[in-house]
Amino acid sequence: MSSEFDLSSLFNRDRFQQVASYFKSYLRNPVESVKSIPDWEWPIDLLTPCAVAALGGAIEGLIHREFLAIIISVIFGPIGAVLFTGVISVSFYYTFFFFFNRELIYRQIYTSVFICSIPIYSFQVLSIIAAPFMLIGKSSLPDFYQL
């Protein structure tokens, strides 16, 4: 009996290479990569934002040279990333469900929101060097989601 939450896909080398190749193409051309959002399983959808947020928080702590900041960001960064992505995904899901009478697949919305929020995580690390970088990262969000 297979489940959608089967964790064996995390240890699948082919799946890992597929995720890595998507991010390689994303780094080369983010606009084209966003047009073709991958169809990942839930464990990969949940752990990928966690890994990106933890990595960004660890780099931010290394730049600050604070060991406690590294530990805190590795623990709480992934939780914040999943909550941030989840809340925005839920708002998109119910907006389309109630106002446009369309039922979308929540997992694809979640993946799309995460992929589109990667600039926020990357520019958050650079905002330590120069504060205006955070404004660049936030400009990737739609106007109604500006923080």
N, C-alpha and C. Protein backbone atom coordinates (compact mmCIF):
# COMPACT_ATOMS: atom_id res chain seq x y z
N MET A 1 0.85 -1.18 0.00
CA MET A 1 0.00 0.00 0.00
C MET A 1 0.89 1.24 0.00
N SER A 2 0.78 2.04 -1.02
CA SER A 2 1.62 3.22 -1.10
C SER A 2 0.86 4.45 -0.61
N SER A 3 1.59 5.34 -0.06
CA SER A 3 1.01 6.57 0.47
C SER A 3 1.65 7.75 -0.23
N GLU A 4 0.93 8.86 -0.26
CA GLU A 4 1.49 10.05 -0.87
C GLU A 4 2.62 10.62 0.00
N PHE A 5 2.61 10.27 1.28
CA PHE A 5 3.62 10.74 2.20
C PHE A 5 4.71 9.70 2.42
N ASP A 6 5.01 8.91 1.41
CA ASP A 6 6.03 7.88 1.48
C ASP A 6 7.41 8.54 1.51
N LEU A 7 8.17 8.29 2.56
CA LEU A 7 9.46 8.94 2.73
C LEU A 7 10.58 8.29 1.93
N SER A 8 10.29 7.18 1.28
CA SER A 8 11.34 6.52 0.50
C SER A 8 11.75 7.36 -0.71
N SER A 9 10.88 8.29 -1.14
CA SER A 9 11.23 9.15 -2.27
C SER A 9 12.34 10.14 -1.91
N LEU A 10 12.53 10.39 -0.61
CA LEU A 10 13.60 11.30 -0.19
C LEU A 10 14.97 10.70 -0.44
N PHE A 11 15.05 9.38 -0.35
CA PHE A 11 16.33 8.72 -0.49
C PHE A 11 16.55 8.16 -1.88
N ASN A 12 15.70 8.51 -2.79
CA ASN A 12 15.81 8.07 -4.17
C ASN A 12 16.81 8.98 -4.89
N ARG A 13 17.86 8.40 -5.39
CA ARG A 13 18.92 9.18 -6.04
C ARG A 13 18.41 9.90 -7.30
N ASP A 14 17.55 9.24 -8.06
CA ASP A 14 17.00 9.86 -9.27
C ASP A 14 16.17 11.09 -8.92
N ARG A 15 15.37 11.00 -7.86
CA ARG A 15 14.53 12.14 -7.44
C ARG A 15 15.40 13.29 -6.98
N PHE A 16 16.47 12.98 -6.24
CA PHE A 16 17.39 14.02 -5.79
C PHE A 16 18.05 14.71 -6.98
N GLN A 17 18.45 13.93 -7.98
CA GLN A 17 19.08 14.51 -9.17
C GLN A 17 18.07 15.36 -9.95
N GLN A 18 16.80 14.96 -9.95
CA GLN A 18 15.78 15.75 -10.62
C GLN A 18 15.59 17.10 -9.93
N VAL A 19 15.57 17.10 -8.61
CA VAL A 19 15.44 18.36 -7.86
C VAL A 19 16.68 19.23 -8.08
N ALA A 20 17.86 18.62 -8.04
CA ALA A 20 19.10 19.37 -8.25
C ALA A 20 19.16 19.96 -9.66
N SER A 21 18.74 19.19 -10.66
CA SER A 21 18.78 19.72 -12.04
C SER A 21 17.77 20.85 -12.22
N TYR A 22 16.63 20.78 -11.50
CA TYR A 22 15.67 21.89 -11.60
C TYR A 22 16.29 23.17 -11.04
N PHE A 23 16.97 23.05 -9.90
CA PHE A 23 17.56 24.24 -9.31
C PHE A 23 18.76 24.76 -10.12
N LYS A 24 19.45 23.89 -10.82
CA LYS A 24 20.51 24.35 -11.73
C LYS A 24 19.91 25.18 -12.85
N SER A 25 18.82 24.70 -13.42
CA SER A 25 18.17 25.47 -14.48
C SER A 25 17.54 26.74 -13.91
N TYR A 26 17.08 26.68 -12.65
CA TYR A 26 16.51 27.87 -12.00
C TYR A 26 17.57 28.94 -11.81
N LEU A 27 18.78 28.53 -11.45
CA LEU A 27 19.85 29.51 -11.27
C LEU A 27 20.29 30.12 -12.59
N ARG A 28 20.21 29.34 -13.68
CA ARG A 28 20.58 29.87 -14.99
C ARG A 28 19.54 30.84 -15.52
N ASN A 29 18.25 30.48 -15.41
CA ASN A 29 17.19 31.32 -15.94
C ASN A 29 15.93 31.15 -15.08
N PRO A 30 15.79 31.97 -14.04
CA PRO A 30 14.66 31.80 -13.13
C PRO A 30 13.30 32.03 -13.79
N VAL A 31 13.21 32.95 -14.69
CA VAL A 31 11.92 33.27 -15.31
C VAL A 31 11.40 32.08 -16.11
N GLU A 32 12.26 31.45 -16.88
CA GLU A 32 11.83 30.28 -17.65
C GLU A 32 11.54 29.09 -16.75
N SER A 33 12.29 28.94 -15.66
CA SER A 33 12.07 27.82 -14.75
C SER A 33 10.75 27.94 -14.01
N VAL A 34 10.34 29.15 -13.69
CA VAL A 34 9.07 29.35 -13.00
C VAL A 34 7.90 29.00 -13.90
N LYS A 35 8.08 29.10 -15.19
CA LYS A 35 7.01 28.75 -16.12
C LYS A 35 6.71 27.25 -16.15
N SER A 36 7.67 26.44 -15.73
CA SER A 36 7.46 24.99 -15.69
C SER A 36 7.75 24.49 -14.28
N ILE A 37 6.76 24.62 -13.41
CA ILE A 37 6.89 24.20 -12.02
C ILE A 37 6.91 22.67 -11.95
N PRO A 38 7.86 22.10 -11.22
CA PRO A 38 7.94 20.63 -11.14
C PRO A 38 6.80 20.04 -10.32
N ASP A 39 6.51 18.79 -10.54
CA ASP A 39 5.47 18.08 -9.80
C ASP A 39 6.14 17.13 -8.82
N TRP A 40 6.47 17.66 -7.62
CA TRP A 40 7.16 16.89 -6.60
C TRP A 40 6.16 16.29 -5.63
N GLU A 41 6.57 15.25 -4.91
CA GLU A 41 5.75 14.68 -3.86
C GLU A 41 5.82 15.58 -2.63
N TRP A 42 4.90 15.35 -1.68
CA TRP A 42 4.83 16.19 -0.48
C TRP A 42 6.12 16.20 0.34
N PRO A 43 6.77 15.08 0.58
CA PRO A 43 8.00 15.17 1.39
C PRO A 43 9.05 16.09 0.76
N ILE A 44 9.18 16.03 -0.54
CA ILE A 44 10.15 16.90 -1.22
C ILE A 44 9.65 18.34 -1.19
N ASP A 45 8.34 18.53 -1.37
CA ASP A 45 7.77 19.88 -1.31
C ASP A 45 7.97 20.53 0.06
N LEU A 46 7.92 19.74 1.10
CA LEU A 46 8.08 20.30 2.45
C LEU A 46 9.53 20.46 2.86
N LEU A 47 10.38 19.54 2.45
CA LEU A 47 11.77 19.60 2.90
C LEU A 47 12.64 20.54 2.07
N THR A 48 12.26 20.81 0.83
CA THR A 48 13.06 21.72 0.01
C THR A 48 13.03 23.15 0.56
N PRO A 49 11.85 23.72 0.90
CA PRO A 49 11.89 25.06 1.53
C PRO A 49 12.62 25.05 2.86
N CYS A 50 12.52 23.95 3.59
CA CYS A 50 13.24 23.86 4.87
C CYS A 50 14.75 23.92 4.64
N ALA A 51 15.22 23.20 3.64
CA ALA A 51 16.65 23.19 3.35
C ALA A 51 17.13 24.56 2.88
N VAL A 52 16.35 25.20 2.02
CA VAL A 52 16.74 26.53 1.52
C VAL A 52 16.77 27.55 2.65
N ALA A 53 15.74 27.52 3.52
CA ALA A 53 15.69 28.46 4.63
C ALA A 53 16.80 28.20 5.65
N ALA A 54 17.07 26.94 5.93
CA ALA A 54 18.14 26.60 6.88
C ALA A 54 19.50 27.00 6.33
N LEU A 55 19.72 26.76 5.06
CA LEU A 55 20.99 27.14 4.44
C LEU A 55 21.16 28.66 4.44
N GLY A 56 20.11 29.38 4.08
CA GLY A 56 20.18 30.84 4.09
C GLY A 56 20.40 31.39 5.49
N GLY A 57 19.73 30.81 6.48
CA GLY A 57 19.92 31.26 7.85
C GLY A 57 21.31 30.95 8.37
N ALA A 58 21.85 29.79 8.00
CA ALA A 58 23.20 29.45 8.42
C ALA A 58 24.23 30.39 7.80
N ILE A 59 24.05 30.71 6.53
CA ILE A 59 24.97 31.66 5.87
C ILE A 59 24.85 33.03 6.51
N GLU A 60 23.63 33.43 6.82
CA GLU A 60 23.43 34.72 7.49
C GLU A 60 24.12 34.74 8.86
N GLY A 61 24.02 33.64 9.61
CA GLY A 61 24.70 33.56 10.90
C GLY A 61 26.21 33.55 10.76
N LEU A 62 26.72 32.91 9.71
CA LEU A 62 28.16 32.93 9.47
C LEU A 62 28.66 34.33 9.14
N ILE A 63 27.87 35.07 8.38
CA ILE A 63 28.27 36.44 8.05
C ILE A 63 28.28 37.30 9.31
N HIS A 64 27.29 37.08 10.19
CA HIS A 64 27.24 37.81 11.47
C HIS A 64 28.29 37.32 12.45
N ARG A 65 28.82 36.11 12.20
CA ARG A 65 29.79 35.47 13.08
C ARG A 65 29.20 35.22 14.47
N GLU A 66 27.95 34.76 14.48
CA GLU A 66 27.27 34.43 15.73
C GLU A 66 26.81 32.99 15.67
N PHE A 67 27.36 32.18 16.56
CA PHE A 67 27.03 30.75 16.57
C PHE A 67 25.57 30.54 16.95
N LEU A 68 25.07 31.31 17.90
CA LEU A 68 23.68 31.17 18.32
C LEU A 68 22.71 31.51 17.19
N ALA A 69 23.06 32.49 16.38
CA ALA A 69 22.21 32.85 15.24
C ALA A 69 22.16 31.71 14.23
N ILE A 70 23.25 31.00 14.05
CA ILE A 70 23.26 29.86 13.14
C ILE A 70 22.31 28.77 13.65
N ILE A 71 22.43 28.45 14.93
CA ILE A 71 21.59 27.40 15.51
C ILE A 71 20.12 27.79 15.46
N ILE A 72 19.80 29.00 15.83
CA ILE A 72 18.40 29.45 15.84
C ILE A 72 17.83 29.46 14.43
N SER A 73 18.60 29.94 13.46
CA SER A 73 18.08 30.00 12.10
C SER A 73 17.93 28.63 11.47
N VAL A 74 18.78 27.68 11.85
CA VAL A 74 18.65 26.32 11.32
C VAL A 74 17.42 25.64 11.93
N ILE A 75 17.06 26.00 13.15
CA ILE A 75 15.89 25.39 13.79
C ILE A 75 14.61 26.10 13.38
N PHE A 76 14.57 27.43 13.49
CA PHE A 76 13.33 28.16 13.27
C PHE A 76 13.13 28.65 11.84
N GLY A 77 14.20 28.74 11.06
CA GLY A 77 14.08 29.16 9.67
C GLY A 77 13.20 28.24 8.84
N PRO A 78 13.42 26.92 8.93
CA PRO A 78 12.54 26.00 8.17
C PRO A 78 11.08 26.06 8.60
N ILE A 79 10.85 26.24 9.90
CA ILE A 79 9.46 26.34 10.38
C ILE A 79 8.81 27.58 9.79
N GLY A 80 9.52 28.69 9.81
CA GLY A 80 8.98 29.92 9.22
C GLY A 80 8.76 29.81 7.73
N ALA A 81 9.67 29.12 7.05
CA ALA A 81 9.53 28.96 5.59
C ALA A 81 8.30 28.15 5.24
N VAL A 82 8.08 27.06 5.96
CA VAL A 82 6.91 26.22 5.69
C VAL A 82 5.62 26.97 6.04
N LEU A 83 5.62 27.70 7.16
CA LEU A 83 4.43 28.48 7.52
C LEU A 83 4.16 29.60 6.53
N PHE A 84 5.20 30.33 6.13
CA PHE A 84 5.06 31.41 5.16
C PHE A 84 4.50 30.89 3.84
N THR A 85 5.10 29.82 3.34
CA THR A 85 4.65 29.25 2.08
C THR A 85 3.25 28.67 2.21
N GLY A 86 2.96 28.04 3.32
CA GLY A 86 1.64 27.45 3.53
C GLY A 86 0.54 28.47 3.62
N VAL A 87 0.78 29.56 4.35
CA VAL A 87 -0.26 30.59 4.51
C VAL A 87 -0.56 31.28 3.17
N ILE A 88 0.47 31.61 2.44
CA ILE A 88 0.24 32.25 1.14
C ILE A 88 -0.43 31.28 0.17
N SER A 89 -0.05 30.00 0.22
CA SER A 89 -0.67 29.00 -0.65
C SER A 89 -2.14 28.81 -0.32
N VAL A 90 -2.46 28.79 0.98
CA VAL A 90 -3.86 28.65 1.39
C VAL A 90 -4.67 29.86 0.91
N SER A 91 -4.08 31.05 1.02
CA SER A 91 -4.82 32.24 0.57
C SER A 91 -5.07 32.18 -0.94
N PHE A 92 -4.10 31.73 -1.72
CA PHE A 92 -4.34 31.57 -3.16
C PHE A 92 -5.39 30.49 -3.44
N TYR A 93 -5.29 29.38 -2.72
CA TYR A 93 -6.22 28.27 -2.94
C TYR A 93 -7.66 28.72 -2.70
N TYR A 94 -7.91 29.37 -1.56
CA TYR A 94 -9.28 29.77 -1.24
C TYR A 94 -9.74 30.97 -2.04
N THR A 95 -8.82 31.82 -2.48
CA THR A 95 -9.21 32.91 -3.37
C THR A 95 -9.76 32.36 -4.68
N PHE A 96 -9.05 31.40 -5.25
CA PHE A 96 -9.54 30.81 -6.49
C PHE A 96 -10.78 29.96 -6.26
N PHE A 97 -10.85 29.31 -5.09
CA PHE A 97 -11.99 28.43 -4.82
C PHE A 97 -13.28 29.23 -4.63
N PHE A 98 -13.24 30.30 -3.84
CA PHE A 98 -14.47 31.05 -3.53
C PHE A 98 -14.79 32.13 -4.56
N PHE A 99 -13.79 32.85 -5.03
CA PHE A 99 -14.07 33.99 -5.90
C PHE A 99 -14.12 33.62 -7.38
N PHE A 100 -13.35 32.62 -7.78
CA PHE A 100 -13.31 32.24 -9.20
C PHE A 100 -13.94 30.88 -9.48
N ASN A 101 -14.46 30.23 -8.44
CA ASN A 101 -15.11 28.92 -8.56
C ASN A 101 -14.24 27.89 -9.27
N ARG A 102 -12.96 27.89 -8.95
CA ARG A 102 -12.02 26.92 -9.52
C ARG A 102 -11.31 26.22 -8.38
N GLU A 103 -11.28 24.92 -8.43
CA GLU A 103 -10.54 24.17 -7.43
C GLU A 103 -9.20 23.77 -8.03
N LEU A 104 -8.13 24.28 -7.42
CA LEU A 104 -6.78 24.01 -7.89
C LEU A 104 -6.14 22.95 -7.00
N ILE A 105 -5.06 22.39 -7.46
CA ILE A 105 -4.33 21.39 -6.68
C ILE A 105 -3.40 22.13 -5.71
N TYR A 106 -3.64 21.92 -4.41
CA TYR A 106 -2.93 22.68 -3.39
C TYR A 106 -1.42 22.43 -3.46
N ARG A 107 -1.01 21.22 -3.71
CA ARG A 107 0.43 20.90 -3.75
C ARG A 107 1.14 21.69 -4.84
N GLN A 108 0.49 21.87 -5.99
CA GLN A 108 1.10 22.66 -7.07
C GLN A 108 1.17 24.14 -6.70
N ILE A 109 0.15 24.63 -6.00
CA ILE A 109 0.20 26.02 -5.53
C ILE A 109 1.34 26.19 -4.53
N TYR A 110 1.46 25.25 -3.62
CA TYR A 110 2.52 25.30 -2.61
C TYR A 110 3.90 25.32 -3.28
N THR A 111 4.10 24.45 -4.24
CA THR A 111 5.37 24.41 -4.95
C THR A 111 5.63 25.71 -5.70
N SER A 112 4.60 26.25 -6.34
CA SER A 112 4.75 27.51 -7.08
C SER A 112 5.12 28.66 -6.16
N VAL A 113 4.45 28.74 -5.02
CA VAL A 113 4.74 29.82 -4.07
C VAL A 113 6.15 29.70 -3.54
N PHE A 114 6.59 28.47 -3.24
CA PHE A 114 7.95 28.30 -2.76
C PHE A 114 8.98 28.69 -3.82
N ILE A 115 8.78 28.20 -5.03
CA ILE A 115 9.73 28.50 -6.11
C ILE A 115 9.81 30.01 -6.33
N CYS A 116 8.67 30.68 -6.26
CA CYS A 116 8.67 32.14 -6.48
C CYS A 116 9.19 32.91 -5.28
N SER A 117 9.29 32.28 -4.11
CA SER A 117 9.80 32.99 -2.94
C SER A 117 11.29 32.77 -2.70
N ILE A 118 11.94 32.03 -3.55
CA ILE A 118 13.39 31.81 -3.41
C ILE A 118 14.17 33.13 -3.42
N PRO A 119 13.80 34.13 -4.25
CA PRO A 119 14.54 35.41 -4.17
C PRO A 119 14.48 36.06 -2.80
N ILE A 120 13.40 35.88 -2.07
CA ILE A 120 13.31 36.45 -0.73
C ILE A 120 14.38 35.83 0.17
N TYR A 121 14.51 34.51 0.11
CA TYR A 121 15.49 33.83 0.95
C TYR A 121 16.92 34.19 0.55
N SER A 122 17.17 34.31 -0.74
CA SER A 122 18.53 34.61 -1.18
C SER A 122 18.92 36.06 -0.88
N PHE A 123 18.00 36.98 -1.09
CA PHE A 123 18.33 38.38 -0.82
C PHE A 123 18.30 38.71 0.66
N GLN A 124 17.67 37.86 1.46
CA GLN A 124 17.71 38.05 2.91
C GLN A 124 19.14 37.89 3.42
N VAL A 125 19.89 36.97 2.84
CA VAL A 125 21.28 36.78 3.23
C VAL A 125 22.11 38.00 2.83
N LEU A 126 21.85 38.54 1.65
CA LEU A 126 22.61 39.70 1.18
C LEU A 126 22.21 40.99 1.88
N SER A 127 21.06 41.02 2.56
CA SER A 127 20.62 42.25 3.21
C SER A 127 21.51 42.62 4.38
N ILE A 128 22.30 41.68 4.87
CA ILE A 128 23.25 42.00 5.93
C ILE A 128 24.35 42.91 5.40
N ILE A 129 24.74 42.66 4.17
CA ILE A 129 25.81 43.45 3.56
C ILE A 129 25.29 44.85 3.21
N ALA A 130 24.14 44.89 2.57
CA ALA A 130 23.52 46.17 2.20
C ALA A 130 22.01 46.01 2.35
N ALA A 131 21.41 46.86 3.16
CA ALA A 131 19.98 46.75 3.47
C ALA A 131 19.06 46.80 2.26
N PRO A 132 19.37 47.54 1.19
CA PRO A 132 18.44 47.57 0.05
C PRO A 132 18.23 46.23 -0.65
N PHE A 133 19.10 45.24 -0.41
CA PHE A 133 18.91 43.94 -1.05
C PHE A 133 17.60 43.28 -0.61
N MET A 134 17.16 43.53 0.62
CA MET A 134 15.90 42.94 1.07
C MET A 134 14.73 43.51 0.29
N LEU A 135 14.82 44.76 -0.10
CA LEU A 135 13.77 45.35 -0.92
C LEU A 135 13.69 44.68 -2.29
N ILE A 136 14.84 44.30 -2.82
CA ILE A 136 14.86 43.62 -4.11
C ILE A 136 14.20 42.25 -3.99
N GLY A 137 14.48 41.54 -2.90
CA GLY A 137 13.87 40.23 -2.69
C GLY A 137 12.37 40.33 -2.51
N LYS A 138 11.91 41.34 -1.80
CA LYS A 138 10.48 41.51 -1.59
C LYS A 138 9.76 41.98 -2.84
N SER A 139 10.49 42.59 -3.76
CA SER A 139 9.83 43.06 -4.97
C SER A 139 9.40 41.91 -5.87
N SER A 140 9.86 40.68 -5.55
CA SER A 140 9.43 39.53 -6.34
C SER A 140 8.04 39.07 -5.95
N LEU A 141 7.53 39.55 -4.80
CA LEU A 141 6.18 39.20 -4.38
C LEU A 141 5.16 40.09 -5.08
N PRO A 142 3.95 39.60 -5.27
CA PRO A 142 2.89 40.46 -5.79
C PRO A 142 2.61 41.60 -4.82
N ASP A 143 2.03 42.69 -5.28
CA ASP A 143 1.82 43.87 -4.47
C ASP A 143 1.01 43.59 -3.21
N PHE A 144 0.02 42.72 -3.28
CA PHE A 144 -0.82 42.49 -2.12
C PHE A 144 -0.16 41.59 -1.09
N TYR A 145 1.03 41.06 -1.34
CA TYR A 145 1.75 40.26 -0.36
C TYR A 145 3.01 40.95 0.14
N GLN A 146 3.16 42.22 -0.11
CA GLN A 146 4.33 42.93 0.37
C GLN A 146 4.28 42.98 1.89
N LEU A 147 5.40 42.63 2.50
CA LEU A 147 5.45 42.60 3.96
C LEU A 147 5.88 43.92 4.53
